[in-house]
Amino acid sequence: MQKRIDEIQSKYREWCHLLPQLEEDIRRWKHAVALIRDIDNFYTHEYQACHQAIEDGAELDLSTKGEYSIMSEDALWNALGEFHQLAWLYLRSSVDALDRYTQEDL
């Protein structure tokens, strides 16, 4: 019995250590959502006009700090796809964590 109590106490201690990090992860996730919404809005409503202006000769500085340029259509498309994959992963993981019973238990 003592071994089991010690085991669960250790897990609880680890949980207490992880909780602030998990709460910070939620704040970071919400920030990421805000970023991706703005990126999606640009991609949906503004990208084509910007792309056309560049093709028509508009001189714009498209240099970056090492990441792909947002005027590379694949950069934004891939970012949106990666976000959606991650969002589904978070959702599925959360549902699994909330489900107390699996089909095998029923």
N, C-alpha and C. Protein backbone atom coordinates (compact mmCIF):
# COMPACT_ATOMS: atom_id res chain seq x y z
N MET A 1 0.83 -1.19 0.00
CA MET A 1 0.00 0.00 0.00
C MET A 1 0.88 1.26 0.00
N GLN A 2 1.94 1.27 0.80
CA GLN A 2 2.82 2.43 0.87
C GLN A 2 3.45 2.73 -0.49
N LYS A 3 3.83 1.66 -1.18
CA LYS A 3 4.44 1.83 -2.50
C LYS A 3 3.49 2.56 -3.45
N ARG A 4 2.23 2.16 -3.41
CA ARG A 4 1.23 2.79 -4.29
C ARG A 4 1.00 4.25 -3.89
N ILE A 5 0.92 4.53 -2.61
CA ILE A 5 0.74 5.91 -2.16
C ILE A 5 1.92 6.76 -2.60
N ASP A 6 3.13 6.24 -2.45
CA ASP A 6 4.33 6.97 -2.87
C ASP A 6 4.32 7.22 -4.38
N GLU A 7 3.89 6.22 -5.13
CA GLU A 7 3.82 6.34 -6.59
C GLU A 7 2.85 7.45 -7.00
N ILE A 8 1.67 7.45 -6.41
CA ILE A 8 0.66 8.47 -6.77
C ILE A 8 1.08 9.84 -6.25
N GLN A 9 1.71 9.89 -5.08
CA GLN A 9 2.21 11.17 -4.56
C GLN A 9 3.23 11.76 -5.53
N SER A 10 4.09 10.93 -6.06
CA SER A 10 5.09 11.37 -7.03
C SER A 10 4.42 11.89 -8.30
N LYS A 11 3.39 11.20 -8.75
CA LYS A 11 2.67 11.65 -9.95
C LYS A 11 1.95 12.96 -9.68
N TYR A 12 1.39 13.11 -8.50
CA TYR A 12 0.73 14.35 -8.13
C TYR A 12 1.74 15.50 -8.09
N ARG A 13 2.92 15.26 -7.53
CA ARG A 13 3.98 16.26 -7.49
C ARG A 13 4.36 16.69 -8.90
N GLU A 14 4.48 15.72 -9.79
CA GLU A 14 4.79 16.03 -11.19
C GLU A 14 3.68 16.85 -11.82
N TRP A 15 2.42 16.48 -11.54
CA TRP A 15 1.26 17.23 -12.04
C TRP A 15 1.33 18.69 -11.56
N CYS A 16 1.61 18.89 -10.27
CA CYS A 16 1.71 20.24 -9.71
C CYS A 16 2.79 21.06 -10.43
N HIS A 17 3.86 20.40 -10.80
CA HIS A 17 4.94 21.05 -11.53
C HIS A 17 4.51 21.40 -12.97
N LEU A 18 3.75 20.51 -13.59
CA LEU A 18 3.33 20.71 -14.98
C LEU A 18 2.20 21.71 -15.15
N LEU A 19 1.35 21.86 -14.15
CA LEU A 19 0.15 22.69 -14.29
C LEU A 19 0.45 24.11 -14.77
N PRO A 20 1.39 24.85 -14.17
CA PRO A 20 1.65 26.20 -14.68
C PRO A 20 2.13 26.20 -16.14
N GLN A 21 2.89 25.18 -16.52
CA GLN A 21 3.35 25.09 -17.90
C GLN A 21 2.17 24.85 -18.84
N LEU A 22 1.23 24.00 -18.42
CA LEU A 22 0.05 23.73 -19.24
C LEU A 22 -0.81 24.97 -19.37
N GLU A 23 -0.92 25.73 -18.29
CA GLU A 23 -1.68 26.98 -18.36
C GLU A 23 -1.01 27.98 -19.30
N GLU A 24 0.31 28.02 -19.29
CA GLU A 24 1.03 28.88 -20.23
C GLU A 24 0.84 28.39 -21.66
N ASP A 25 0.79 27.07 -21.85
CA ASP A 25 0.53 26.51 -23.18
C ASP A 25 -0.80 26.99 -23.73
N ILE A 26 -1.80 27.10 -22.86
CA ILE A 26 -3.12 27.59 -23.31
C ILE A 26 -3.00 29.04 -23.77
N ARG A 27 -2.29 29.86 -23.02
CA ARG A 27 -2.09 31.25 -23.42
C ARG A 27 -1.36 31.33 -24.77
N ARG A 28 -0.33 30.50 -24.94
CA ARG A 28 0.40 30.49 -26.21
C ARG A 28 -0.50 30.00 -27.35
N TRP A 29 -1.33 29.01 -27.08
CA TRP A 29 -2.24 28.49 -28.10
C TRP A 29 -3.21 29.59 -28.54
N LYS A 30 -3.77 30.33 -27.58
CA LYS A 30 -4.70 31.42 -27.92
C LYS A 30 -4.00 32.49 -28.75
N HIS A 31 -2.74 32.76 -28.43
CA HIS A 31 -1.97 33.72 -29.22
C HIS A 31 -1.77 33.18 -30.65
N ALA A 32 -1.45 31.90 -30.75
CA ALA A 32 -1.27 31.28 -32.07
C ALA A 32 -2.56 31.36 -32.88
N VAL A 33 -3.69 31.14 -32.23
CA VAL A 33 -4.98 31.23 -32.92
C VAL A 33 -5.19 32.64 -33.48
N ALA A 34 -4.88 33.65 -32.68
CA ALA A 34 -5.02 35.03 -33.15
C ALA A 34 -4.11 35.30 -34.35
N LEU A 35 -2.89 34.79 -34.29
CA LEU A 35 -1.96 34.96 -35.41
C LEU A 35 -2.49 34.30 -36.67
N ILE A 36 -2.94 33.06 -36.53
CA ILE A 36 -3.36 32.31 -37.72
C ILE A 36 -4.65 32.89 -38.30
N ARG A 37 -5.51 33.45 -37.46
CA ARG A 37 -6.72 34.10 -37.98
C ARG A 37 -6.36 35.28 -38.85
N ASP A 38 -5.39 36.08 -38.41
CA ASP A 38 -4.97 37.23 -39.22
C ASP A 38 -4.30 36.76 -40.50
N ILE A 39 -3.48 35.72 -40.41
CA ILE A 39 -2.85 35.16 -41.61
C ILE A 39 -3.91 34.65 -42.58
N ASP A 40 -4.89 33.93 -42.06
CA ASP A 40 -5.97 33.40 -42.89
C ASP A 40 -6.76 34.53 -43.54
N ASN A 41 -7.03 35.58 -42.79
CA ASN A 41 -7.77 36.72 -43.34
C ASN A 41 -6.98 37.36 -44.48
N PHE A 42 -5.68 37.53 -44.28
CA PHE A 42 -4.83 38.08 -45.34
C PHE A 42 -4.86 37.17 -46.56
N TYR A 43 -4.68 35.88 -46.32
CA TYR A 43 -4.63 34.92 -47.42
C TYR A 43 -5.95 34.92 -48.20
N THR A 44 -7.05 35.00 -47.49
CA THR A 44 -8.37 34.92 -48.12
C THR A 44 -8.75 36.22 -48.84
N HIS A 45 -8.43 37.35 -48.24
CA HIS A 45 -8.96 38.62 -48.75
C HIS A 45 -7.94 39.57 -49.39
N GLU A 46 -6.66 39.37 -49.13
CA GLU A 46 -5.69 40.34 -49.61
C GLU A 46 -4.57 39.76 -50.47
N TYR A 47 -4.29 38.49 -50.30
CA TYR A 47 -3.13 37.89 -50.96
C TYR A 47 -3.16 38.08 -52.47
N GLN A 48 -4.27 37.78 -53.09
CA GLN A 48 -4.34 37.85 -54.56
C GLN A 48 -4.03 39.24 -55.08
N ALA A 49 -4.57 40.28 -54.44
CA ALA A 49 -4.31 41.65 -54.88
C ALA A 49 -2.83 41.99 -54.72
N CYS A 50 -2.23 41.58 -53.61
CA CYS A 50 -0.79 41.83 -53.41
C CYS A 50 0.03 41.09 -54.45
N HIS A 51 -0.32 39.84 -54.67
CA HIS A 51 0.40 39.02 -55.65
C HIS A 51 0.31 39.64 -57.04
N GLN A 52 -0.89 40.09 -57.41
CA GLN A 52 -1.08 40.71 -58.72
C GLN A 52 -0.28 42.00 -58.84
N ALA A 53 -0.26 42.78 -57.78
CA ALA A 53 0.51 44.04 -57.80
C ALA A 53 1.99 43.75 -58.01
N ILE A 54 2.51 42.72 -57.37
CA ILE A 54 3.91 42.35 -57.54
C ILE A 54 4.16 41.91 -58.98
N GLU A 55 3.25 41.10 -59.49
CA GLU A 55 3.39 40.65 -60.89
C GLU A 55 3.31 41.83 -61.86
N ASP A 56 2.57 42.87 -61.49
CA ASP A 56 2.43 44.05 -62.34
C ASP A 56 3.59 45.03 -62.16
N GLY A 57 4.54 44.68 -61.31
CA GLY A 57 5.74 45.49 -61.18
C GLY A 57 5.88 46.31 -59.92
N ALA A 58 4.97 46.16 -58.98
CA ALA A 58 5.10 46.90 -57.72
C ALA A 58 6.42 46.52 -57.06
N GLU A 59 7.17 47.52 -56.65
CA GLU A 59 8.45 47.26 -56.02
C GLU A 59 8.24 47.22 -54.51
N LEU A 60 8.27 46.02 -53.97
CA LEU A 60 8.07 45.81 -52.54
C LEU A 60 9.26 45.05 -51.98
N ASP A 61 9.59 45.32 -50.73
CA ASP A 61 10.67 44.60 -50.06
C ASP A 61 10.09 43.31 -49.50
N LEU A 62 10.48 42.19 -50.07
CA LEU A 62 9.98 40.88 -49.64
C LEU A 62 11.04 40.11 -48.86
N SER A 63 12.08 40.83 -48.38
CA SER A 63 13.11 40.14 -47.61
C SER A 63 12.53 39.70 -46.27
N THR A 64 13.10 38.65 -45.72
CA THR A 64 12.62 38.10 -44.44
C THR A 64 13.80 37.94 -43.50
N LYS A 65 13.53 37.47 -42.32
CA LYS A 65 14.58 37.21 -41.34
C LYS A 65 14.91 35.72 -41.28
N GLY A 66 14.71 35.04 -42.40
CA GLY A 66 15.07 33.63 -42.49
C GLY A 66 13.88 32.72 -42.79
N GLU A 67 12.68 33.18 -42.50
CA GLU A 67 11.50 32.37 -42.81
C GLU A 67 11.12 32.60 -44.27
N TYR A 68 10.21 31.77 -44.77
CA TYR A 68 9.72 31.96 -46.13
C TYR A 68 8.94 33.27 -46.22
N SER A 69 8.93 33.86 -47.39
CA SER A 69 8.14 35.06 -47.62
C SER A 69 6.66 34.70 -47.63
N ILE A 70 5.84 35.59 -47.07
CA ILE A 70 4.39 35.33 -47.10
C ILE A 70 3.84 35.42 -48.51
N MET A 71 4.61 35.99 -49.42
CA MET A 71 4.15 36.06 -50.79
C MET A 71 4.45 34.78 -51.55
N SER A 72 5.08 33.84 -50.89
CA SER A 72 5.18 32.49 -51.42
C SER A 72 3.88 31.81 -50.98
N GLU A 73 3.00 31.57 -51.90
CA GLU A 73 1.67 31.04 -51.56
C GLU A 73 1.77 29.79 -50.69
N ASP A 74 2.76 28.97 -50.96
CA ASP A 74 2.91 27.73 -50.18
C ASP A 74 3.19 28.01 -48.71
N ALA A 75 3.89 29.10 -48.40
CA ALA A 75 4.20 29.41 -47.00
C ALA A 75 2.92 29.57 -46.19
N LEU A 76 2.00 30.38 -46.69
CA LEU A 76 0.75 30.62 -45.96
C LEU A 76 -0.13 29.37 -45.98
N TRP A 77 -0.22 28.73 -47.12
CA TRP A 77 -1.05 27.52 -47.24
C TRP A 77 -0.56 26.45 -46.26
N ASN A 78 0.76 26.26 -46.22
CA ASN A 78 1.33 25.26 -45.30
C ASN A 78 1.10 25.65 -43.84
N ALA A 79 1.24 26.92 -43.52
CA ALA A 79 1.00 27.38 -42.14
C ALA A 79 -0.45 27.10 -41.73
N LEU A 80 -1.38 27.38 -42.60
CA LEU A 80 -2.79 27.12 -42.31
C LEU A 80 -3.04 25.63 -42.15
N GLY A 81 -2.45 24.82 -43.01
CA GLY A 81 -2.60 23.36 -42.91
C GLY A 81 -2.00 22.81 -41.63
N GLU A 82 -0.82 23.31 -41.28
CA GLU A 82 -0.17 22.86 -40.04
C GLU A 82 -1.01 23.24 -38.83
N PHE A 83 -1.57 24.45 -38.86
CA PHE A 83 -2.43 24.87 -37.75
C PHE A 83 -3.63 23.95 -37.62
N HIS A 84 -4.29 23.65 -38.74
CA HIS A 84 -5.48 22.80 -38.68
C HIS A 84 -5.13 21.40 -38.18
N GLN A 85 -4.01 20.86 -38.62
CA GLN A 85 -3.59 19.54 -38.12
C GLN A 85 -3.36 19.58 -36.61
N LEU A 86 -2.70 20.62 -36.16
CA LEU A 86 -2.42 20.75 -34.73
C LEU A 86 -3.71 20.96 -33.93
N ALA A 87 -4.62 21.77 -34.46
CA ALA A 87 -5.89 22.00 -33.78
C ALA A 87 -6.68 20.70 -33.63
N TRP A 88 -6.72 19.90 -34.69
CA TRP A 88 -7.41 18.61 -34.60
C TRP A 88 -6.72 17.69 -33.60
N LEU A 89 -5.39 17.71 -33.56
CA LEU A 89 -4.65 16.90 -32.61
C LEU A 89 -4.98 17.31 -31.18
N TYR A 90 -4.99 18.62 -30.91
CA TYR A 90 -5.36 19.11 -29.59
C TYR A 90 -6.79 18.71 -29.23
N LEU A 91 -7.70 18.85 -30.19
CA LEU A 91 -9.09 18.50 -29.93
C LEU A 91 -9.24 17.02 -29.62
N ARG A 92 -8.66 16.19 -30.45
CA ARG A 92 -8.77 14.73 -30.22
C ARG A 92 -8.13 14.33 -28.89
N SER A 93 -7.00 14.92 -28.60
CA SER A 93 -6.32 14.61 -27.35
C SER A 93 -7.16 15.06 -26.15
N SER A 94 -7.79 16.21 -26.27
CA SER A 94 -8.65 16.71 -25.19
C SER A 94 -9.88 15.84 -25.00
N VAL A 95 -10.50 15.43 -26.09
CA VAL A 95 -11.67 14.55 -25.99
C VAL A 95 -11.27 13.22 -25.36
N ASP A 96 -10.14 12.68 -25.79
CA ASP A 96 -9.66 11.42 -25.20
C ASP A 96 -9.43 11.57 -23.70
N ALA A 97 -8.88 12.72 -23.30
CA ALA A 97 -8.62 12.95 -21.87
C ALA A 97 -9.91 13.07 -21.08
N LEU A 98 -10.95 13.61 -21.72
CA LEU A 98 -12.23 13.80 -21.03
C LEU A 98 -13.08 12.54 -21.02
N ASP A 99 -12.88 11.69 -22.01
CA ASP A 99 -13.63 10.43 -22.05
C ASP A 99 -13.10 9.50 -20.98
N ARG A 100 -13.96 9.15 -20.06
CA ARG A 100 -13.54 8.27 -18.96
C ARG A 100 -13.63 6.80 -19.37
N TYR A 101 -14.43 6.53 -20.38
CA TYR A 101 -14.65 5.15 -20.76
C TYR A 101 -14.42 4.98 -22.25
N THR A 102 -13.82 3.90 -22.60
CA THR A 102 -13.63 3.59 -24.02
C THR A 102 -14.71 2.59 -24.41
N GLN A 103 -14.79 2.29 -25.67
CA GLN A 103 -15.76 1.31 -26.14
C GLN A 103 -15.54 -0.04 -25.45
N GLU A 104 -14.28 -0.36 -25.16
CA GLU A 104 -13.97 -1.63 -24.52
C GLU A 104 -14.57 -1.71 -23.13
N ASP A 105 -14.75 -0.56 -22.46
CA ASP A 105 -15.28 -0.54 -21.11
C ASP A 105 -16.80 -0.68 -21.07
N LEU A 106 -17.45 -0.40 -22.17
CA LEU A 106 -18.92 -0.43 -22.17
C LEU A 106 -19.49 -1.81 -22.26
